[in-house]
Amino acid sequence: MDKKKKKLMIRRVIVVAVLVILLCLVIFGVSKLVSLLSPEKVAGNYSNSNMGLAIESGSATYYNKYEKGIFKLEKGEETQITDHTAYSITVVGDTIYYITVSSDNTIDLNSVKTDGQDLKKIKTLYTANSKFYINDGFAYYISNKDRTGINKINLENSEEKTITIANIQDFVLDKNIIYYTDNLGHLYSISLEGNNLKELSRDYDMKNIQILGNWIYFYSEKENALCKIKKNGKSEKTVATFVNNEMYNVTNKKIYYYDAVNKNICKSDLKGKKSKVVVSLEATRTKINIANGIIYYLDNSKTDTQIYQMFRVKESGKEYKPIEY
């Protein structure tokens, strides 16, 4: 083989190798993107917000039919999963985790399969906050058994460990870091192992913290507005002055909030502009959950058997299949 043909063959081999590497990178990048944007990952961003009364997982929605239990909605058909009144509903794979109040008035962390089978009580919790997160085989929650702090529970053996002791008001778990506020509304971060504690901000009295991307959203009583701050504690910004209470929910596309003066659930874009009324309420308080393009919210009950009922409406404000009680 002459030198000219040999060089040409080497070039071809190099080109093929480069193309194979580029193809692998593209495939890995797409799979990584799909993983990050999967319904369970996206829904997890706000499953605990507003008491976590509804969550999407793929094409299915799991929601708490207030005081009637957990129901699954898929393709227009509803199926009852449990008869427990459930809070902070969280779906991981084929398992639903939730908090409920037992007949003995204990606050229990339970799990059940998405087909309604294998109902289990994981552990009785001592807490005044229904928020919890499931991450890598552990449940994280705010404990007030002896002293207030954040604890984690091993889901296999129910062993419990304290991560930090502080006057915790609210917390969010995001990418293996816990962000929390104390009773003064100051913001901190800490690792899942309880080290690398950082004070991020003392400038606001933060309520109802939620994370979207690199931002922590919160309602500030001081500013009487919805604000946001970078996860490193810098670049504070006022998002919307018309959000004047902590009843709000931020999703990938919209901000949903309760206008307490006019008793409306409204929506705006993420810049805090183009606000629009979605639905009117009778109640003076509510909870707003978003799942598969539907807004689930609490309003006054239409019967005398309970105070609130769950209702739903399309994000556009158009009617959707009503919840039957």
Protein backbone atom coordinates (compact mmCIF):
# COMPACT_ATOMS: atom_id res chain seq x y z
CA MET A 1 0.00 0.00 0.00
CA ASP A 2 1.47 3.35 -1.03
CA LYS A 3 1.77 6.28 1.39
CA LYS A 4 -1.08 8.22 -0.24
CA LYS A 5 -3.62 5.38 0.21
CA LYS A 6 -2.39 4.73 3.75
CA LYS A 7 -2.93 8.38 4.76
CA LEU A 8 -6.41 8.33 3.19
CA MET A 9 -7.36 5.19 5.16
CA ILE A 10 -6.10 6.72 8.43
CA ARG A 11 -8.15 9.86 7.80
CA ARG A 12 -11.26 7.75 7.18
CA VAL A 13 -10.73 5.83 10.43
CA ILE A 14 -10.32 9.10 12.34
CA VAL A 15 -13.48 10.56 10.78
CA VAL A 16 -15.50 7.43 11.64
CA ALA A 17 -14.18 7.47 15.22
CA VAL A 18 -15.09 11.14 15.66
CA LEU A 19 -18.59 10.50 14.30
CA VAL A 20 -19.09 7.58 16.69
CA ILE A 21 -17.99 9.74 19.65
CA LEU A 22 -20.31 12.57 18.60
CA LEU A 23 -23.21 10.13 18.20
CA CYS A 24 -22.59 8.74 21.70
CA LEU A 25 -22.51 12.25 23.14
CA VAL A 26 -25.79 13.13 21.42
CA ILE A 27 -27.48 9.92 22.67
CA PHE A 28 -26.20 10.51 26.22
CA GLY A 29 -27.27 14.14 26.10
CA VAL A 30 -30.78 13.29 24.91
CA SER A 31 -31.21 10.54 27.51
CA LYS A 32 -29.94 12.87 30.21
CA LEU A 33 -32.36 15.57 29.08
CA VAL A 34 -35.26 13.11 29.04
CA SER A 35 -34.33 12.01 32.55
CA LEU A 36 -34.23 15.56 33.82
CA LEU A 37 -37.54 16.48 32.22
CA SER A 38 -39.41 13.28 33.08
CA PRO A 39 -42.84 13.90 34.64
CA GLU A 40 -41.78 12.53 38.04
CA LYS A 41 -38.75 14.82 38.23
CA VAL A 42 -40.67 17.90 37.10
CA ALA A 43 -43.67 17.19 39.30
CA GLY A 44 -41.36 16.66 42.26
CA ASN A 45 -40.46 20.33 42.11
CA TYR A 46 -43.87 21.29 43.41
CA SER A 47 -45.41 18.13 44.83
CA ASN A 48 -44.91 19.40 48.38
CA SER A 49 -45.98 22.97 47.72
CA ASN A 50 -49.44 23.90 49.02
CA MET A 51 -49.62 20.69 51.08
CA GLY A 52 -48.93 18.45 48.06
CA LEU A 53 -52.56 17.59 47.40
CA ALA A 54 -52.02 16.55 43.77
CA ILE A 55 -49.11 15.25 41.71
CA GLU A 56 -48.60 13.97 38.19
CA SER A 57 -46.66 10.86 37.22
CA GLY A 58 -46.61 10.24 33.50
CA SER A 59 -50.17 10.44 32.17
CA ALA A 60 -51.66 9.74 35.61
CA THR A 61 -52.59 12.24 38.32
CA TYR A 62 -52.79 11.25 41.99
CA TYR A 63 -54.75 13.60 44.21
CA ASN A 64 -56.39 13.81 47.60
CA LYS A 65 -60.17 13.95 47.26
CA TYR A 66 -60.40 15.96 50.43
CA GLU A 67 -61.25 13.61 53.37
CA LYS A 68 -62.17 10.86 50.88
CA GLY A 69 -58.68 9.50 50.18
CA ILE A 70 -56.16 9.29 47.34
CA PHE A 71 -57.59 8.89 43.85
CA LYS A 72 -55.85 8.19 40.55
CA LEU A 73 -57.06 9.96 37.41
CA GLU A 74 -55.92 8.60 34.06
CA LYS A 75 -57.60 8.84 30.67
CA GLY A 76 -60.68 10.31 32.29
CA GLU A 77 -61.15 7.35 34.66
CA GLU A 78 -60.85 7.68 38.44
CA THR A 79 -59.70 4.89 40.73
CA GLN A 80 -59.50 5.03 44.52
CA ILE A 81 -56.07 4.12 45.91
CA THR A 82 -56.65 4.55 49.67
CA ASP A 83 -59.29 6.06 51.95
CA HIS A 84 -56.67 8.09 53.85
CA THR A 85 -56.76 11.89 53.80
CA ALA A 86 -53.28 12.44 52.35
CA TYR A 87 -50.83 15.32 52.40
CA SER A 88 -47.57 15.88 50.51
CA ILE A 89 -48.35 13.11 48.03
CA THR A 90 -45.09 12.03 46.39
CA VAL A 91 -44.67 9.40 43.66
CA VAL A 92 -41.39 7.51 43.21
CA GLY A 93 -41.54 4.78 40.59
CA ASP A 94 -44.56 2.62 41.41
CA THR A 95 -44.83 3.81 45.03
CA ILE A 96 -46.86 6.64 46.52
CA TYR A 97 -45.62 8.22 49.77
CA TYR A 98 -47.85 10.48 51.85
CA ILE A 99 -48.60 11.77 55.33
CA THR A 100 -51.91 11.07 57.02
CA VAL A 101 -53.53 11.40 60.44
CA SER A 102 -54.43 7.97 61.82
CA SER A 103 -57.52 6.97 63.80
CA ASP A 104 -55.31 7.24 66.91
CA ASN A 105 -54.49 10.85 65.96
CA THR A 106 -50.88 10.03 65.18
CA ILE A 107 -49.18 11.63 62.16
CA ASP A 108 -47.92 8.78 59.99
CA LEU A 109 -45.70 8.52 56.94
CA ASN A 110 -47.25 5.83 54.74
CA SER A 111 -46.58 4.21 51.40
CA VAL A 112 -48.78 2.34 48.94
CA LYS A 113 -48.28 1.00 45.44
CA THR A 114 -49.86 2.96 42.61
CA ASP A 115 -52.28 0.06 42.07
CA GLY A 116 -53.51 0.38 45.67
CA GLN A 117 -51.65 -2.67 46.95
CA ASP A 118 -49.08 -3.09 49.73
CA LEU A 119 -50.22 -0.29 52.05
CA LYS A 120 -47.62 0.31 54.78
CA LYS A 121 -47.01 2.62 57.69
CA ILE A 122 -43.35 3.57 57.53
CA LYS A 123 -43.18 5.53 60.76
CA THR A 124 -45.11 7.79 63.12
CA LEU A 125 -43.76 11.33 62.84
CA TYR A 126 -43.59 14.11 65.41
CA THR A 127 -44.07 17.14 63.24
CA ALA A 128 -46.17 20.26 62.73
CA ASN A 129 -45.36 20.43 59.01
CA SER A 130 -46.71 17.99 56.38
CA LYS A 131 -43.85 18.63 53.98
CA PHE A 132 -41.36 15.82 53.31
CA TYR A 133 -39.08 14.65 50.51
CA ILE A 134 -38.01 11.21 49.30
CA ASN A 135 -34.41 10.99 48.12
CA ASP A 136 -32.18 7.94 47.55
CA GLY A 137 -33.98 5.66 49.99
CA PHE A 138 -34.57 8.24 52.72
CA ALA A 139 -37.48 10.47 53.78
CA TYR A 140 -36.58 13.97 54.98
CA TYR A 141 -38.94 15.97 57.20
CA ILE A 142 -39.16 18.59 59.96
CA SER A 143 -39.22 16.91 63.37
CA ASN A 144 -40.30 18.51 66.64
CA LYS A 145 -40.09 15.42 68.86
CA ASP A 146 -37.45 16.75 71.27
CA ARG A 147 -36.07 19.81 69.53
CA THR A 148 -37.06 21.21 66.16
CA GLY A 149 -34.82 20.18 63.29
CA ILE A 150 -34.60 18.24 60.05
CA ASN A 151 -34.47 14.45 60.30
CA LYS A 152 -34.12 11.67 57.77
CA ILE A 153 -35.66 8.20 57.92
CA ASN A 154 -34.25 5.09 56.27
CA LEU A 155 -37.18 3.71 54.25
CA GLU A 156 -35.96 0.11 54.63
CA ASN A 157 -35.50 -0.15 58.38
CA SER A 158 -37.17 3.07 59.64
CA GLU A 159 -34.00 4.15 61.44
CA GLU A 160 -33.98 7.90 62.03
CA LYS A 161 -31.15 10.40 62.15
CA THR A 162 -31.04 14.13 62.88
CA ILE A 163 -29.39 16.24 60.17
CA THR A 164 -29.57 19.61 61.89
CA ILE A 165 -31.21 21.19 64.94
CA ALA A 166 -32.73 24.62 64.35
CA ASN A 167 -36.05 26.44 64.55
CA ILE A 168 -37.08 25.25 61.09
CA GLN A 169 -40.02 27.04 59.51
CA ASP A 170 -39.87 25.63 55.96
CA PHE A 171 -37.49 23.59 53.79
CA VAL A 172 -36.88 22.31 50.27
CA LEU A 173 -34.62 19.48 49.10
CA ASP A 174 -33.02 20.10 45.72
CA LYS A 175 -30.10 18.27 44.08
CA ASN A 176 -28.83 16.74 47.34
CA ILE A 177 -28.90 20.05 49.19
CA ILE A 178 -31.46 21.15 51.79
CA TYR A 179 -32.50 24.79 51.80
CA TYR A 180 -34.42 25.91 54.87
CA THR A 181 -35.73 28.97 56.67
CA ASP A 182 -35.74 29.50 60.42
CA ASN A 183 -38.41 31.14 62.57
CA LEU A 184 -37.09 34.58 61.54
CA GLY A 185 -37.41 33.77 57.85
CA HIS A 186 -33.63 33.67 57.31
CA LEU A 187 -32.35 31.30 54.60
CA TYR A 188 -29.75 28.54 55.04
CA SER A 189 -28.42 25.53 53.17
CA ILE A 190 -26.95 22.27 54.44
CA SER A 191 -25.88 18.94 52.94
CA LEU A 192 -27.92 15.76 53.34
CA GLU A 193 -25.31 14.52 55.80
CA GLY A 194 -25.67 17.56 58.03
CA ASN A 195 -22.45 19.37 57.18
CA ASN A 196 -21.47 22.40 55.08
CA LEU A 197 -24.04 24.64 56.78
CA LYS A 198 -24.27 28.06 55.11
CA GLU A 199 -26.22 31.18 55.95
CA LEU A 200 -27.52 32.47 52.61
CA SER A 201 -29.69 35.46 53.48
CA ARG A 202 -30.93 37.46 56.47
CA ASP A 203 -32.58 40.22 54.42
CA TYR A 204 -36.11 38.79 54.15
CA ASP A 205 -38.72 37.05 56.28
CA MET A 206 -39.30 34.22 53.84
CA LYS A 207 -42.53 32.21 53.65
CA ASN A 208 -43.37 29.20 51.48
CA ILE A 209 -40.04 28.64 49.73
CA GLN A 210 -40.09 26.88 46.35
CA ILE A 211 -37.27 26.13 43.91
CA LEU A 212 -37.33 26.48 40.15
CA GLY A 213 -34.01 26.15 38.33
CA ASN A 214 -31.36 28.23 40.05
CA TRP A 215 -33.89 30.37 41.92
CA ILE A 216 -35.57 30.07 45.30
CA TYR A 217 -39.01 31.71 45.22
CA PHE A 218 -40.62 32.96 48.42
CA TYR A 219 -43.29 35.26 49.74
CA SER A 220 -41.84 38.16 51.72
CA GLU A 221 -44.00 39.77 54.40
CA LYS A 222 -41.51 42.61 54.52
CA GLU A 223 -41.96 43.39 50.82
CA ASN A 224 -45.55 42.10 50.69
CA ALA A 225 -44.62 40.49 47.39
CA LEU A 226 -43.40 37.33 45.69
CA CYS A 227 -39.61 37.47 45.47
CA LYS A 228 -36.78 35.20 44.40
CA ILE A 229 -33.13 34.75 45.27
CA LYS A 230 -30.35 32.69 43.69
CA LYS A 231 -29.54 29.43 45.47
CA ASN A 232 -26.20 30.93 46.48
CA GLY A 233 -28.03 33.66 48.41
CA LYS A 234 -27.36 36.44 45.90
CA SER A 235 -29.27 38.45 43.30
CA GLU A 236 -32.52 39.02 45.19
CA LYS A 237 -35.38 40.19 42.99
CA THR A 238 -39.00 41.20 43.44
CA VAL A 239 -41.10 39.11 41.05
CA ALA A 240 -44.69 40.23 41.61
CA THR A 241 -46.15 42.80 43.99
CA PHE A 242 -49.67 41.54 43.27
CA VAL A 243 -48.84 38.26 45.04
CA ASN A 244 -49.61 39.53 48.53
CA ASN A 245 -49.82 36.29 50.53
CA GLU A 246 -48.04 32.95 50.71
CA MET A 247 -50.74 31.02 48.81
CA TYR A 248 -48.91 30.66 45.50
CA ASN A 249 -47.31 27.95 43.36
CA VAL A 250 -44.54 28.39 40.77
CA THR A 251 -44.30 25.92 37.88
CA ASN A 252 -42.04 25.71 34.84
CA LYS A 253 -44.24 28.12 32.89
CA LYS A 254 -46.53 30.08 35.20
CA ILE A 255 -47.02 31.57 38.64
CA TYR A 256 -50.36 30.64 40.19
CA TYR A 257 -51.51 32.63 43.20
CA TYR A 258 -54.53 33.44 45.32
CA ASP A 259 -55.91 36.96 45.17
CA ALA A 260 -57.41 37.09 48.66
CA VAL A 261 -59.03 40.50 48.14
CA ASN A 262 -61.13 39.37 45.17
CA LYS A 263 -61.17 35.64 46.06
CA ASN A 264 -59.66 34.56 42.73
CA ILE A 265 -56.99 32.09 41.72
CA CYS A 266 -54.89 33.91 39.12
CA LYS A 267 -51.91 33.18 36.94
CA SER A 268 -49.08 35.22 35.47
CA ASP A 269 -45.89 34.55 33.54
CA LEU A 270 -42.64 33.90 35.40
CA LYS A 271 -41.66 37.56 35.08
CA GLY A 272 -44.66 38.58 37.15
CA LYS A 273 -46.56 40.09 34.23
CA LYS A 274 -49.72 39.40 32.24
CA SER A 275 -51.79 38.43 35.27
CA LYS A 276 -55.15 36.82 34.55
CA VAL A 277 -58.02 35.41 36.64
CA VAL A 278 -58.47 31.62 36.28
CA VAL A 279 -61.31 30.81 38.68
CA SER A 280 -63.29 32.50 41.47
CA LEU A 281 -63.68 31.00 44.95
CA GLU A 282 -65.95 31.29 47.97
CA ALA A 283 -63.29 30.43 50.55
CA THR A 284 -60.93 32.93 52.17
CA ARG A 285 -58.03 30.47 51.95
CA THR A 286 -57.05 27.78 49.47
CA LYS A 287 -54.26 25.50 48.26
CA ILE A 288 -53.16 25.44 44.62
CA ASN A 289 -51.71 22.30 43.01
CA ILE A 290 -50.93 21.76 39.31
CA ALA A 291 -50.90 18.33 37.64
CA ASN A 292 -51.07 17.42 33.94
CA GLY A 293 -52.39 20.83 32.94
CA ILE A 294 -55.15 20.86 35.57
CA ILE A 295 -55.39 23.12 38.64
CA TYR A 296 -56.51 21.31 41.79
CA TYR A 297 -57.62 23.66 44.54
CA LEU A 298 -59.58 23.81 47.80
CA ASP A 299 -62.83 25.73 48.17
CA ASN A 300 -65.76 25.72 50.57
CA SER A 301 -67.57 22.40 50.70
CA LYS A 302 -70.94 22.14 49.01
CA THR A 303 -72.14 19.81 51.79
CA ASP A 304 -72.29 20.06 55.58
CA THR A 305 -70.07 17.02 56.11
CA GLN A 306 -66.75 18.84 55.72
CA ILE A 307 -65.27 22.33 55.59
CA TYR A 308 -63.41 22.07 52.27
CA GLN A 309 -63.64 20.08 49.08
CA MET A 310 -61.18 19.62 46.24
CA PHE A 311 -62.12 21.17 42.90
CA ARG A 312 -60.34 21.32 39.55
CA VAL A 313 -60.25 23.49 36.48
CA LYS A 314 -58.11 23.69 33.35
CA GLU A 315 -55.14 26.07 33.51
CA SER A 316 -56.93 28.16 30.88
CA GLY A 317 -59.85 28.59 33.27
CA LYS A 318 -62.18 26.39 31.20
CA GLU A 319 -64.21 23.75 32.96
CA TYR A 320 -62.81 20.26 33.37
CA LYS A 321 -64.49 17.04 34.48
CA PRO A 322 -65.76 17.92 37.98
CA ILE A 323 -64.79 15.94 41.07
CA GLU A 324 -67.75 13.90 42.27
CA TYR A 325 -68.28 13.41 45.99
